[in-house]
N, C-alpha and C. Protein backbone atom coordinates (compact mmCIF):
# COMPACT_ATOMS: atom_id res chain seq x y z
N MET A 1 120.63 129.68 107.81
CA MET A 1 119.37 130.01 108.39
C MET A 1 119.20 131.53 108.34
N SER A 2 118.09 131.95 107.84
CA SER A 2 117.81 133.37 107.68
C SER A 2 117.35 133.98 109.00
N ALA A 3 117.73 135.22 109.21
CA ALA A 3 117.32 135.92 110.42
C ALA A 3 115.84 136.29 110.35
N HIS A 4 115.29 136.34 109.13
CA HIS A 4 113.89 136.72 108.97
C HIS A 4 112.95 135.53 109.05
N GLY A 5 113.44 134.33 109.16
CA GLY A 5 112.62 133.12 109.14
C GLY A 5 111.71 132.96 110.34
N HIS A 6 112.10 133.48 111.49
CA HIS A 6 111.31 133.26 112.70
C HIS A 6 110.76 134.56 113.29
N GLU A 7 110.82 135.66 112.55
CA GLU A 7 110.40 136.94 113.11
C GLU A 7 108.90 137.08 113.21
N HIS A 8 108.15 136.53 112.26
CA HIS A 8 106.70 136.70 112.29
C HIS A 8 106.05 135.39 112.70
N GLU A 9 105.02 135.53 113.51
CA GLU A 9 104.30 134.34 113.93
C GLU A 9 103.12 134.13 113.00
N HIS A 10 102.65 132.90 112.96
CA HIS A 10 101.54 132.54 112.09
C HIS A 10 100.25 133.15 112.62
N THR A 11 99.55 133.87 111.77
CA THR A 11 98.25 134.41 112.13
C THR A 11 97.24 133.99 111.09
N GLY A 12 95.97 134.07 111.44
CA GLY A 12 94.91 133.68 110.52
C GLY A 12 94.74 134.70 109.41
N SER A 13 94.11 134.26 108.34
CA SER A 13 93.86 135.16 107.23
C SER A 13 92.63 136.01 107.52
N ILE A 14 92.49 137.08 106.78
CA ILE A 14 91.33 137.95 106.92
C ILE A 14 90.06 137.17 106.61
N LYS A 15 90.11 136.30 105.63
CA LYS A 15 88.93 135.50 105.27
C LYS A 15 88.49 134.62 106.44
N ALA A 16 89.45 134.01 107.13
CA ALA A 16 89.11 133.16 108.27
C ALA A 16 88.51 133.98 109.41
N TYR A 17 89.06 135.17 109.66
CA TYR A 17 88.52 136.03 110.71
C TYR A 17 87.11 136.49 110.38
N VAL A 18 86.88 136.89 109.14
CA VAL A 18 85.55 137.35 108.73
C VAL A 18 84.55 136.18 108.81
N THR A 19 84.96 135.01 108.35
CA THR A 19 84.09 133.83 108.42
C THR A 19 83.74 133.51 109.88
N GLY A 20 84.73 133.51 110.75
CA GLY A 20 84.48 133.26 112.17
C GLY A 20 83.58 134.31 112.79
N PHE A 21 83.77 135.57 112.41
CA PHE A 21 82.95 136.64 112.95
C PHE A 21 81.49 136.50 112.51
N ILE A 22 81.28 136.21 111.24
CA ILE A 22 79.92 136.06 110.73
C ILE A 22 79.23 134.86 111.38
N LEU A 23 79.94 133.74 111.50
CA LEU A 23 79.36 132.57 112.17
C LEU A 23 79.06 132.86 113.64
N SER A 24 79.90 133.64 114.30
CA SER A 24 79.64 134.01 115.69
C SER A 24 78.39 134.87 115.80
N ILE A 25 78.21 135.80 114.87
CA ILE A 25 77.01 136.64 114.87
C ILE A 25 75.77 135.78 114.66
N ILE A 26 75.85 134.83 113.73
CA ILE A 26 74.70 133.95 113.46
C ILE A 26 74.37 133.12 114.69
N LEU A 27 75.41 132.57 115.34
CA LEU A 27 75.18 131.75 116.54
C LEU A 27 74.74 132.58 117.74
N THR A 28 74.83 133.88 117.66
CA THR A 28 74.30 134.75 118.70
C THR A 28 72.85 135.13 118.40
N ILE A 29 72.56 135.36 117.13
CA ILE A 29 71.22 135.81 116.73
C ILE A 29 70.19 134.68 116.83
N ILE A 30 70.58 133.45 116.50
CA ILE A 30 69.62 132.33 116.52
C ILE A 30 68.96 132.16 117.89
N PRO A 31 69.71 132.04 118.99
CA PRO A 31 69.03 131.92 120.29
C PRO A 31 68.21 133.15 120.66
N LEU A 32 68.70 134.33 120.27
CA LEU A 32 67.96 135.55 120.56
C LEU A 32 66.59 135.54 119.89
N VAL A 33 66.55 135.15 118.62
CA VAL A 33 65.28 135.08 117.89
C VAL A 33 64.37 134.02 118.50
N LEU A 34 64.94 132.88 118.87
CA LEU A 34 64.14 131.82 119.49
C LEU A 34 63.49 132.28 120.79
N VAL A 35 64.25 133.01 121.59
CA VAL A 35 63.73 133.49 122.87
C VAL A 35 62.70 134.59 122.68
N LEU A 36 63.01 135.56 121.86
CA LEU A 36 62.11 136.70 121.68
C LEU A 36 60.78 136.33 121.04
N ASN A 37 60.78 135.32 120.19
CA ASN A 37 59.55 134.93 119.50
C ASN A 37 58.86 133.74 120.14
N HIS A 38 59.35 133.26 121.27
CA HIS A 38 58.75 132.12 121.98
C HIS A 38 58.47 130.96 121.02
N MET A 39 59.49 130.55 120.29
CA MET A 39 59.32 129.57 119.23
C MET A 39 59.42 128.12 119.71
N MET A 40 59.83 127.90 120.94
CA MET A 40 60.02 126.53 121.43
C MET A 40 59.54 126.42 122.86
N ALA A 41 59.38 125.17 123.29
CA ALA A 41 59.10 124.91 124.70
C ALA A 41 60.36 125.22 125.51
N LYS A 42 60.18 125.37 126.82
CA LYS A 42 61.29 125.79 127.67
C LYS A 42 62.48 124.84 127.61
N SER A 43 62.25 123.54 127.68
CA SER A 43 63.37 122.59 127.68
C SER A 43 64.09 122.57 126.33
N ALA A 44 63.32 122.62 125.24
CA ALA A 44 63.94 122.66 123.91
C ALA A 44 64.71 123.96 123.71
N LEU A 45 64.17 125.04 124.25
CA LEU A 45 64.84 126.34 124.14
C LEU A 45 66.16 126.33 124.91
N MET A 46 66.16 125.77 126.10
CA MET A 46 67.39 125.69 126.89
C MET A 46 68.44 124.83 126.17
N PHE A 47 68.00 123.73 125.58
CA PHE A 47 68.92 122.87 124.83
C PHE A 47 69.49 123.63 123.63
N SER A 48 68.65 124.37 122.92
CA SER A 48 69.10 125.13 121.75
C SER A 48 70.12 126.20 122.14
N ILE A 49 69.87 126.88 123.24
CA ILE A 49 70.80 127.91 123.71
C ILE A 49 72.13 127.28 124.10
N LEU A 50 72.06 126.16 124.81
CA LEU A 50 73.28 125.46 125.21
C LEU A 50 74.06 124.97 124.00
N LEU A 51 73.36 124.43 123.02
CA LEU A 51 74.02 123.96 121.80
C LEU A 51 74.70 125.10 121.06
N ALA A 52 74.01 126.23 120.94
CA ALA A 52 74.60 127.40 120.27
C ALA A 52 75.82 127.89 121.03
N ALA A 53 75.78 127.85 122.37
CA ALA A 53 76.92 128.29 123.17
C ALA A 53 78.13 127.38 122.96
N VAL A 54 77.90 126.09 122.94
CA VAL A 54 79.00 125.13 122.74
C VAL A 54 79.58 125.29 121.34
N LEU A 55 78.72 125.43 120.34
CA LEU A 55 79.21 125.63 118.98
C LEU A 55 80.01 126.92 118.86
N GLN A 56 79.55 127.97 119.54
CA GLN A 56 80.29 129.23 119.49
C GLN A 56 81.63 129.11 120.21
N PHE A 57 81.68 128.34 121.29
CA PHE A 57 82.94 128.10 121.99
C PHE A 57 83.95 127.41 121.07
N VAL A 58 83.50 126.37 120.39
CA VAL A 58 84.38 125.64 119.46
C VAL A 58 84.81 126.54 118.31
N LEU A 59 83.88 127.31 117.79
CA LEU A 59 84.18 128.23 116.70
C LEU A 59 85.24 129.25 117.12
N GLN A 60 85.10 129.81 118.33
CA GLN A 60 86.08 130.78 118.82
C GLN A 60 87.47 130.14 118.95
N LEU A 61 87.50 128.89 119.42
CA LEU A 61 88.79 128.21 119.56
C LEU A 61 89.50 128.05 118.23
N PHE A 62 88.77 127.63 117.22
CA PHE A 62 89.41 127.33 115.94
C PHE A 62 89.66 128.57 115.08
N PHE A 63 88.74 129.52 115.06
CA PHE A 63 88.90 130.66 114.18
C PHE A 63 89.72 131.79 114.79
N PHE A 64 89.62 132.00 116.10
CA PHE A 64 90.28 133.16 116.69
C PHE A 64 91.44 132.81 117.60
N MET A 65 91.41 131.67 118.27
CA MET A 65 92.48 131.31 119.19
C MET A 65 93.49 130.36 118.55
N HIS A 66 93.23 129.94 117.31
CA HIS A 66 94.16 129.11 116.53
C HIS A 66 94.58 127.87 117.30
N ILE A 67 93.62 127.19 117.87
CA ILE A 67 93.92 126.03 118.72
C ILE A 67 94.53 124.89 117.91
N ARG A 68 94.29 124.84 116.62
CA ARG A 68 94.83 123.75 115.81
C ARG A 68 96.13 124.13 115.10
N ASP A 69 96.54 125.39 115.20
CA ASP A 69 97.76 125.84 114.53
C ASP A 69 98.99 125.36 115.29
N GLY A 70 100.09 125.32 114.59
CA GLY A 70 101.36 124.95 115.21
C GLY A 70 101.78 123.56 114.79
N GLU A 71 103.09 123.36 114.77
CA GLU A 71 103.62 122.09 114.32
C GLU A 71 104.19 121.26 115.46
N GLY A 72 104.37 121.86 116.62
CA GLY A 72 104.93 121.15 117.76
C GLY A 72 103.87 120.35 118.49
N PRO A 73 104.22 119.86 119.66
CA PRO A 73 103.24 119.12 120.47
C PRO A 73 102.04 120.00 120.81
N LYS A 74 100.93 119.38 120.96
CA LYS A 74 99.68 120.11 121.19
C LYS A 74 99.45 120.35 122.68
N TYR A 75 100.40 121.02 123.34
CA TYR A 75 100.26 121.29 124.76
C TYR A 75 99.07 122.19 125.05
N ASN A 76 98.79 123.14 124.15
CA ASN A 76 97.66 124.02 124.41
C ASN A 76 96.34 123.27 124.34
N VAL A 77 96.23 122.29 123.47
CA VAL A 77 95.02 121.48 123.39
C VAL A 77 94.88 120.62 124.64
N MET A 78 95.97 120.04 125.09
CA MET A 78 95.92 119.22 126.30
C MET A 78 95.57 120.08 127.52
N ALA A 79 96.12 121.27 127.61
CA ALA A 79 95.80 122.17 128.71
C ALA A 79 94.33 122.59 128.65
N LEU A 80 93.81 122.81 127.46
CA LEU A 80 92.40 123.16 127.30
C LEU A 80 91.50 122.02 127.76
N ILE A 81 91.83 120.80 127.36
CA ILE A 81 91.03 119.64 127.75
C ILE A 81 91.06 119.46 129.27
N LEU A 82 92.23 119.63 129.88
CA LEU A 82 92.33 119.52 131.32
C LEU A 82 91.50 120.61 132.01
N GLY A 83 91.54 121.82 131.49
CA GLY A 83 90.74 122.90 132.05
C GLY A 83 89.25 122.62 131.94
N ILE A 84 88.82 122.07 130.81
CA ILE A 84 87.41 121.71 130.64
C ILE A 84 87.00 120.63 131.63
N ILE A 85 87.88 119.65 131.86
CA ILE A 85 87.59 118.60 132.84
C ILE A 85 87.46 119.20 134.24
N PHE A 86 88.35 120.12 134.60
CA PHE A 86 88.26 120.76 135.91
C PHE A 86 86.96 121.54 136.06
N VAL A 87 86.62 122.33 135.06
CA VAL A 87 85.39 123.14 135.13
C VAL A 87 84.16 122.23 135.20
N ALA A 88 84.12 121.20 134.37
CA ALA A 88 82.98 120.28 134.39
C ALA A 88 82.85 119.59 135.74
N THR A 89 83.98 119.20 136.34
CA THR A 89 83.94 118.55 137.66
C THR A 89 83.45 119.51 138.73
N ILE A 90 83.92 120.74 138.71
CA ILE A 90 83.49 121.73 139.70
C ILE A 90 82.01 122.05 139.55
N VAL A 91 81.56 122.25 138.32
CA VAL A 91 80.14 122.57 138.08
C VAL A 91 79.26 121.39 138.47
N ALA A 92 79.61 120.19 138.04
CA ALA A 92 78.80 119.01 138.36
C ALA A 92 78.78 118.77 139.87
N GLY A 93 79.90 118.90 140.53
CA GLY A 93 79.95 118.73 141.98
C GLY A 93 79.13 119.78 142.71
N SER A 94 79.19 121.02 142.23
CA SER A 94 78.40 122.09 142.86
C SER A 94 76.91 121.85 142.70
N VAL A 95 76.50 121.45 141.51
CA VAL A 95 75.08 121.17 141.27
C VAL A 95 74.63 119.99 142.12
N TRP A 96 75.46 118.98 142.24
CA TRP A 96 75.13 117.80 143.04
C TRP A 96 74.97 118.18 144.52
N ILE A 97 75.91 118.96 145.04
CA ILE A 97 75.83 119.38 146.43
C ILE A 97 74.62 120.28 146.66
N MET A 98 74.35 121.21 145.75
CA MET A 98 73.20 122.10 145.92
C MET A 98 71.88 121.33 145.84
N SER A 99 71.83 120.28 145.02
CA SER A 99 70.58 119.51 144.93
C SER A 99 70.30 118.78 146.24
N PHE A 100 71.32 118.30 146.94
CA PHE A 100 71.12 117.65 148.23
C PHE A 100 70.84 118.69 149.32
N ASN A 101 71.40 119.86 149.17
CA ASN A 101 71.22 120.92 150.16
C ASN A 101 69.82 121.52 150.11
N SER A 102 69.19 121.47 148.95
CA SER A 102 67.88 122.10 148.78
C SER A 102 66.75 121.23 149.29
N GLN A 103 67.00 119.96 149.55
CA GLN A 103 65.96 119.07 150.06
C GLN A 103 65.73 119.33 151.53
N VAL A 104 64.52 119.73 151.84
CA VAL A 104 64.16 120.03 153.24
C VAL A 104 63.44 118.83 153.82
N HIS A 105 63.86 118.41 154.98
CA HIS A 105 63.24 117.24 155.63
C HIS A 105 62.23 117.69 156.63
């Protein structure tokens, strides 16, 4: 076994970083143009912004955080999924509680 075999960790290529950066810029500019030019109705605009945000989140995970890299068990993916479940539960519960709190009798 060579001493140099485990010294460097796997990193993404320059091409992958540039591709991820360009796609991130595009996914930032699209909602900005939609908002500044009033190109959609409010509900469609909110959906478009949310969709761009989710796509950018996934893009960041794969291109910059290397969520799919590695040959061992996917503990980081499982931890990410658990974190997303926690955040979704907290946000949904907060919205639910605030909606009942805002009703004045």
